[in-house]
Amino acid sequence: MSMHSTYDMLRHLADSWGLLAMLAVFLVLTAWPFRPGMRERNEEAATMIFKDENDG
């Protein structure tokens, strides 16, 4: 397989399915923290820097 045909194959893949795959990954990673049941864990992570080490 020559360099030119590899480039053409990868370009075709990116034009057809690559953008769709990247969009799907972006949407999943963006929505992941907002899934049900994660509010308590997210609030704990958000306020972690304000806790004293003796607070427990």
Protein backbone atom coordinates (compact mmCIF):
# COMPACT_ATOMS: atom_id res chain seq x y z
CA MET A 1 0.00 0.00 0.00
CA SER A 2 1.57 3.24 -1.07
CA MET A 3 1.57 6.44 0.95
CA HIS A 4 -0.89 8.07 -1.43
CA SER A 5 -3.49 5.33 -1.17
CA THR A 6 -3.17 5.21 2.64
CA TYR A 7 -3.78 8.94 2.76
CA ASP A 8 -6.79 8.62 0.48
CA MET A 9 -8.22 5.79 2.59
CA LEU A 10 -7.78 7.73 5.85
CA ARG A 11 -9.19 10.88 4.26
CA HIS A 12 -12.26 8.99 3.08
CA LEU A 13 -12.72 7.43 6.55
CA ALA A 14 -12.44 10.83 8.23
CA ASP A 15 -14.87 12.41 5.77
CA SER A 16 -17.46 9.69 6.17
CA TRP A 17 -17.35 8.21 9.68
CA GLY A 18 -14.58 9.99 11.57
CA LEU A 19 -16.54 13.15 12.24
CA LEU A 20 -19.56 11.16 13.34
CA ALA A 21 -17.43 9.07 15.72
CA MET A 22 -15.76 12.16 17.20
CA LEU A 23 -19.17 13.78 17.70
CA ALA A 24 -20.47 10.68 19.48
CA VAL A 25 -17.43 10.55 21.78
CA PHE A 26 -17.79 14.27 22.55
CA LEU A 27 -21.48 13.92 23.40
CA VAL A 28 -20.90 10.91 25.67
CA LEU A 29 -18.01 12.57 27.52
CA THR A 30 -19.94 15.82 27.88
CA ALA A 31 -23.08 14.12 29.22
CA TRP A 32 -21.26 11.65 31.51
CA PRO A 33 -21.14 13.89 34.64
CA PHE A 34 -24.84 14.71 34.30
CA ARG A 35 -26.14 11.15 34.43
CA PRO A 36 -28.72 10.35 37.13
CA GLY A 37 -27.40 9.69 40.61
CA MET A 38 -24.17 11.63 40.23
CA ARG A 39 -25.25 14.90 41.91
CA GLU A 40 -23.86 14.00 45.35
CA ARG A 41 -20.54 12.83 43.96
CA ASN A 42 -20.20 15.91 41.74
CA GLU A 43 -20.96 18.27 44.63
CA GLU A 44 -18.41 16.49 46.80
CA ALA A 45 -15.77 16.85 44.10
CA ALA A 46 -16.65 20.52 43.59
CA THR A 47 -16.29 21.40 47.29
CA MET A 48 -13.34 19.14 48.07
CA ILE A 49 -10.79 21.98 47.96
CA PHE A 50 -12.66 23.88 50.69
CA LYS A 51 -12.55 21.07 53.24
CA ASP A 52 -9.97 21.15 55.99
CA GLU A 53 -7.96 17.97 56.37
CA ASN A 54 -9.43 17.61 59.88
CA ASP A 55 -13.06 17.83 58.68
CA GLY A 56 -13.18 14.15 57.81
